[in-house]
Amino acid sequence: MEKEQWGRKIRAFRKLKGFTQAELAKELGISLTLLGEIERESRDPENDLVLKICDTLGVSLQEMQEL
């Protein structure tokens, strides 16, 4: 996948779908700290994590990329 600004996109969809950071992190099996770093764009998520986030939030990768 090309370099994206995943943080703001993930945060927007997370809020739209009604998840708190803690709830989403638990669903993904990652730490709250890691999710926070991703949302603040101080850390890039691995490709497989992006796909897992899309699946958990019920959005396609295309929707995530278009935001």
C-alpha atoms as a PDB file:
ATOM      1  CA  MET A   1       0.000   0.000   0.000  1.00  0.00           C
ATOM      2  CA  GLU A   2       1.127   3.497  -0.695  1.00  0.00           C
ATOM      3  CA  LYS A   3       1.955   5.961   2.054  1.00  0.00           C
ATOM      4  CA  GLU A   4      -1.300   7.267   3.496  1.00  0.00           C
ATOM      5  CA  GLN A   5      -2.287   9.461   6.381  1.00  0.00           C
ATOM      6  CA  TRP A   6      -4.060   6.633   8.129  1.00  0.00           C
ATOM      7  CA  GLY A   7      -4.380   8.284  11.525  1.00  0.00           C
ATOM      8  CA  ARG A   8      -7.011  10.897  10.731  1.00  0.00           C
ATOM      9  CA  LYS A   9      -8.937   8.436   8.576  1.00  0.00           C
ATOM     10  CA  ILE A  10      -8.986   5.758  11.253  1.00  0.00           C
ATOM     11  CA  ARG A  11     -10.024   8.303  13.896  1.00  0.00           C
ATOM     12  CA  ALA A  12     -12.850   9.621  11.691  1.00  0.00           C
ATOM     13  CA  PHE A  13     -14.286   6.169  10.976  1.00  0.00           C
ATOM     14  CA  ARG A  14     -13.807   5.054  14.592  1.00  0.00           C
ATOM     15  CA  LYS A  15     -15.877   7.995  15.815  1.00  0.00           C
ATOM     16  CA  LEU A  16     -18.440   7.558  13.040  1.00  0.00           C
ATOM     17  CA  LYS A  17     -18.924   3.913  14.042  1.00  0.00           C
ATOM     18  CA  GLY A  18     -19.211   4.810  17.737  1.00  0.00           C
ATOM     19  CA  PHE A  19     -16.025   3.195  19.054  1.00  0.00           C
ATOM     20  CA  THR A  20     -13.850   4.683  21.757  1.00  0.00           C
ATOM     21  CA  GLN A  21     -10.108   4.259  21.328  1.00  0.00           C
ATOM     22  CA  ALA A  22     -10.118   1.713  24.145  1.00  0.00           C
ATOM     23  CA  GLU A  23     -12.925  -0.328  22.574  1.00  0.00           C
ATOM     24  CA  LEU A  24     -11.293  -0.398  19.150  1.00  0.00           C
ATOM     25  CA  ALA A  25      -7.878  -1.260  20.545  1.00  0.00           C
ATOM     26  CA  LYS A  26      -9.399  -4.169  22.476  1.00  0.00           C
ATOM     27  CA  GLU A  27     -11.250  -5.433  19.377  1.00  0.00           C
ATOM     28  CA  LEU A  28      -8.010  -5.271  17.379  1.00  0.00           C
ATOM     29  CA  GLY A  29      -5.908  -6.902  20.083  1.00  0.00           C
ATOM     30  CA  ILE A  30      -3.482  -3.971  20.223  1.00  0.00           C
ATOM     31  CA  SER A  31      -2.562  -1.560  22.977  1.00  0.00           C
ATOM     32  CA  LEU A  32      -4.380   1.708  23.479  1.00  0.00           C
ATOM     33  CA  THR A  33      -0.985   3.391  23.247  1.00  0.00           C
ATOM     34  CA  LEU A  34      -0.343   1.946  19.783  1.00  0.00           C
ATOM     35  CA  LEU A  35      -3.766   3.020  18.511  1.00  0.00           C
ATOM     36  CA  GLY A  36      -3.222   6.514  19.907  1.00  0.00           C
ATOM     37  CA  GLU A  37       0.149   6.764  18.171  1.00  0.00           C
ATOM     38  CA  ILE A  38      -1.424   5.656  14.890  1.00  0.00           C
ATOM     39  CA  GLU A  39      -4.265   8.168  15.190  1.00  0.00           C
ATOM     40  CA  ARG A  40      -1.807  10.964  15.998  1.00  0.00           C
ATOM     41  CA  GLU A  41       0.217   9.835  12.956  1.00  0.00           C
ATOM     42  CA  SER A  42       3.372   9.449  14.991  1.00  0.00           C
ATOM     43  CA  ARG A  43       3.425   5.788  13.949  1.00  0.00           C
ATOM     44  CA  ASP A  44       2.363   4.102  10.712  1.00  0.00           C
ATOM     45  CA  PRO A  45       0.243   0.946  10.980  1.00  0.00           C
ATOM     46  CA  GLU A  46       1.365  -2.232   9.260  1.00  0.00           C
ATOM     47  CA  ASN A  47      -0.642  -3.157   6.152  1.00  0.00           C
ATOM     48  CA  ASP A  48      -2.297  -6.131   7.859  1.00  0.00           C
ATOM     49  CA  LEU A  49      -3.413  -3.909  10.751  1.00  0.00           C
ATOM     50  CA  VAL A  50      -4.995  -1.423   8.322  1.00  0.00           C
ATOM     51  CA  LEU A  51      -6.992  -4.282   6.802  1.00  0.00           C
ATOM     52  CA  LYS A  52      -8.019  -5.525  10.260  1.00  0.00           C
ATOM     53  CA  ILE A  53      -9.133  -2.009  11.238  1.00  0.00           C
ATOM     54  CA  CYS A  54     -11.217  -1.745   8.063  1.00  0.00           C
ATOM     55  CA  ASP A  55     -12.816  -5.107   8.780  1.00  0.00           C
ATOM     56  CA  THR A  56     -13.537  -4.240  12.414  1.00  0.00           C
ATOM     57  CA  LEU A  57     -15.047  -0.877  11.510  1.00  0.00           C
ATOM     58  CA  GLY A  58     -17.037  -2.340   8.630  1.00  0.00           C
ATOM     59  CA  VAL A  59     -15.516  -0.175   5.929  1.00  0.00           C
ATOM     60  CA  SER A  60     -13.670  -1.116   2.779  1.00  0.00           C
ATOM     61  CA  LEU A  61     -10.058  -0.239   2.191  1.00  0.00           C
ATOM     62  CA  GLN A  62     -11.249   1.905  -0.716  1.00  0.00           C
ATOM     63  CA  GLU A  63     -13.572   3.877   1.586  1.00  0.00           C
ATOM     64  CA  MET A  64     -10.734   4.374   4.043  1.00  0.00           C
ATOM     65  CA  GLN A  65      -8.418   5.607   1.282  1.00  0.00           C
ATOM     66  CA  GLU A  66     -11.001   8.011  -0.152  1.00  0.00           C
ATOM     67  CA  LEU A  67     -11.727   9.851   3.098  1.00  0.00           C
END
